[in-house]
């Protein structure tokens, strides 16, 4: 479904559910790929260290020390 105000899919601002994320991940042929996360469109990336429930949502966590 497309958001009419800016033509971006609703999940861009709404986010994805665990179910939606699992369905998308299952489309990857190589299930052995490392999973990383980026909040700046891929300029920097971090490995996912933990997945936990926090404040009513699923939180992907990187436990590395922050870069200086």
Protein backbone atom coordinates (compact mmCIF):
# COMPACT_ATOMS: atom_id res chain seq x y z
CA UNK A 1 0.00 0.00 0.00
CA UNK A 2 1.32 3.45 -0.94
CA UNK A 3 1.08 6.56 1.21
CA UNK A 4 -0.61 9.19 -1.02
CA UNK A 5 1.08 12.20 0.63
CA UNK A 6 4.59 11.36 -0.58
CA UNK A 7 4.16 8.14 -2.61
CA UNK A 8 6.42 6.14 -0.25
CA UNK A 9 5.19 2.77 1.02
CA UNK A 10 3.48 2.93 4.44
CA UNK A 11 6.20 0.80 6.08
CA UNK A 12 8.76 3.58 5.50
CA UNK A 13 7.32 5.57 8.39
CA UNK A 14 5.23 2.86 10.08
CA UNK A 15 7.96 0.25 10.17
CA UNK A 16 7.54 -3.49 9.69
CA UNK A 17 6.12 -6.16 11.92
CA UNK A 18 8.15 -9.24 12.88
CA UNK A 19 5.96 -11.23 10.47
CA UNK A 20 6.67 -8.82 7.59
CA UNK A 21 10.39 -8.84 8.33
CA UNK A 22 10.54 -12.66 8.45
CA UNK A 23 8.65 -12.91 5.15
CA UNK A 24 11.08 -10.51 3.50
CA UNK A 25 14.15 -12.28 4.93
CA UNK A 26 12.85 -15.62 3.64
CA UNK A 27 13.17 -14.27 0.07
CA UNK A 28 16.98 -14.20 0.38
CA UNK A 29 18.50 -17.21 -1.37
CA UNK A 30 21.57 -17.27 0.91
CA UNK A 31 20.18 -17.66 4.43
CA UNK A 32 23.75 -17.63 5.79
CA UNK A 33 24.29 -13.92 5.12
CA UNK A 34 25.26 -11.74 8.08
CA UNK A 35 22.53 -9.33 9.17
CA UNK A 36 23.55 -5.72 9.71
CA UNK A 37 21.66 -2.52 10.50
CA UNK A 38 22.09 1.04 9.28
CA UNK A 39 20.22 4.21 10.18
CA UNK A 40 21.91 6.38 7.52
CA UNK A 41 21.02 4.57 4.27
CA UNK A 42 24.03 2.26 4.43
CA UNK A 43 26.78 4.85 4.96
CA UNK A 44 27.64 3.16 8.25
CA UNK A 45 26.66 -0.36 9.27
CA UNK A 46 26.67 -2.37 12.47
CA UNK A 47 26.16 -6.05 13.17
CA UNK A 48 23.08 -7.04 15.12
CA UNK A 49 24.24 -8.42 18.47
CA UNK A 50 20.88 -8.96 20.18
CA UNK A 51 17.18 -9.05 19.41
CA UNK A 52 14.97 -8.23 22.38
CA UNK A 53 11.51 -7.05 23.36
CA UNK A 54 11.61 -3.48 24.60
CA UNK A 55 8.74 -1.05 25.22
CA UNK A 56 6.32 -3.20 23.28
CA UNK A 57 8.43 -3.71 20.17
CA UNK A 58 11.20 -5.91 18.80
CA UNK A 59 14.52 -4.08 19.16
CA UNK A 60 17.65 -4.93 17.14
CA UNK A 61 20.69 -4.06 19.24
CA UNK A 62 24.38 -3.59 18.47
CA UNK A 63 26.57 -4.12 21.54
CA UNK A 64 29.89 -2.87 20.13
CA UNK A 65 31.65 0.05 21.80
CA UNK A 66 30.80 3.34 20.04
CA UNK A 67 33.32 4.55 17.50
CA UNK A 68 35.53 7.41 18.80
